[in-house]
Protein backbone atom coordinates (compact mmCIF):
# COMPACT_ATOMS: atom_id res chain seq x y z
CA MET A 1 -27.29 -116.56 -88.29
CA THR A 2 -28.34 -116.88 -84.78
CA ASN A 3 -31.66 -117.95 -83.84
CA LYS A 4 -33.15 -115.78 -80.92
CA THR A 5 -35.94 -117.03 -78.79
CA SER A 6 -37.50 -114.12 -76.93
CA SER A 7 -38.82 -115.05 -73.38
CA ILE A 8 -42.04 -113.17 -71.76
CA GLU A 9 -41.13 -111.21 -68.74
CA CYS A 10 -43.49 -112.07 -65.46
CA PRO A 11 -46.20 -109.64 -65.37
CA GLU A 12 -46.72 -107.61 -62.01
CA ILE A 13 -49.66 -109.15 -60.20
CA ASN A 14 -51.25 -106.04 -57.66
CA VAL A 15 -52.68 -106.87 -54.41
CA GLN A 16 -56.47 -106.97 -55.49
CA GLU A 17 -55.64 -109.39 -58.34
CA TRP A 18 -53.36 -111.57 -55.46
CA GLU A 19 -56.50 -111.70 -53.46
CA ALA A 20 -58.75 -112.92 -56.26
CA ILE A 21 -55.95 -115.70 -57.11
CA MET A 22 -55.80 -116.73 -53.28
CA ARG A 23 -59.60 -116.71 -53.16
CA VAL A 24 -60.04 -118.96 -56.05
CA LEU A 25 -57.10 -121.56 -54.54
CA MET A 26 -58.64 -121.68 -51.32
CA GLU A 27 -62.12 -122.04 -52.37
CA SER A 28 -60.99 -124.95 -54.91
CA PHE A 29 -59.37 -126.42 -51.80
CA GLY A 30 -62.07 -125.82 -49.46
CA LYS A 31 -65.32 -126.50 -51.62
CA ARG A 32 -63.94 -128.99 -53.78
CA THR A 33 -64.64 -126.85 -56.85
CA MET A 34 -62.99 -126.90 -60.45
CA ALA A 35 -60.52 -124.12 -60.97
CA GLN A 36 -58.37 -122.65 -63.68
CA PHE A 37 -54.79 -121.39 -62.60
CA PHE A 38 -52.57 -119.74 -65.35
CA LEU A 39 -48.86 -120.04 -64.32
CA TYR A 40 -45.89 -118.00 -65.52
CA HIS A 41 -43.52 -119.99 -67.93
CA PRO A 42 -40.93 -117.60 -69.84
CA TYR A 43 -41.54 -119.52 -73.52
CA GLU A 44 -45.13 -120.62 -73.35
CA ASP A 45 -48.91 -120.43 -71.96
CA CYS A 46 -49.48 -122.86 -68.91
CA ALA A 47 -52.35 -123.90 -67.31
CA VAL A 48 -53.57 -125.97 -64.59
CA ILE A 49 -57.25 -127.01 -64.55
CA GLY A 50 -58.81 -129.15 -61.89
CA ILE A 51 -59.54 -129.41 -58.12
CA VAL A 52 -56.93 -128.21 -55.64
CA ASP A 53 -55.63 -131.18 -53.32
CA ARG A 54 -53.39 -129.56 -50.91
CA VAL A 55 -52.05 -126.19 -50.41
CA ASP A 56 -48.58 -126.33 -48.38
CA GLY A 57 -47.85 -122.48 -46.82
CA TYR A 58 -44.32 -123.80 -45.61
CA THR A 59 -43.20 -124.59 -49.59
CA ARG A 60 -45.71 -122.40 -51.01
CA THR A 61 -46.99 -124.79 -53.33
CA PHE A 62 -50.18 -126.48 -54.10
CA SER A 63 -50.86 -129.59 -55.81
CA VAL A 64 -53.70 -130.68 -58.14
CA ASP A 65 -54.17 -134.40 -59.22
CA GLY A 66 -50.85 -135.33 -57.26
CA GLU A 67 -48.70 -132.59 -59.10
CA ARG A 68 -46.94 -129.87 -57.39
CA PHE A 69 -47.16 -126.08 -58.55
CA ASN A 70 -45.47 -123.16 -57.14
CA ILE A 71 -48.06 -120.72 -55.73
CA ALA A 72 -45.48 -117.57 -56.75
CA ASP A 73 -45.84 -118.78 -60.45
CA ILE A 74 -50.01 -118.50 -60.74
CA ILE A 75 -50.34 -114.88 -62.61
CA GLY A 76 -54.14 -115.50 -63.24
CA ALA A 77 -56.99 -118.11 -61.66
CA GLU A 78 -60.98 -118.51 -62.13
CA THR A 79 -63.68 -120.96 -61.10
CA LEU A 80 -64.94 -123.31 -63.34
């Protein structure tokens, strides 16, 4: 008997959704507001909650509480 673990495919993000995500990201960074970011992971639900400390356009990452995440992994965002 084999144990199969199914993974979740990364959802497609359209241009309007991506603009809304980037707006939340930059607002949290610029205005120091709390935000929640939903990140893609194939096997579990992942979320980052906090204030964005840094956005690095070169590496396409952002930091919350000193922990770095890939911007490309964001599949949703909202201000809190």
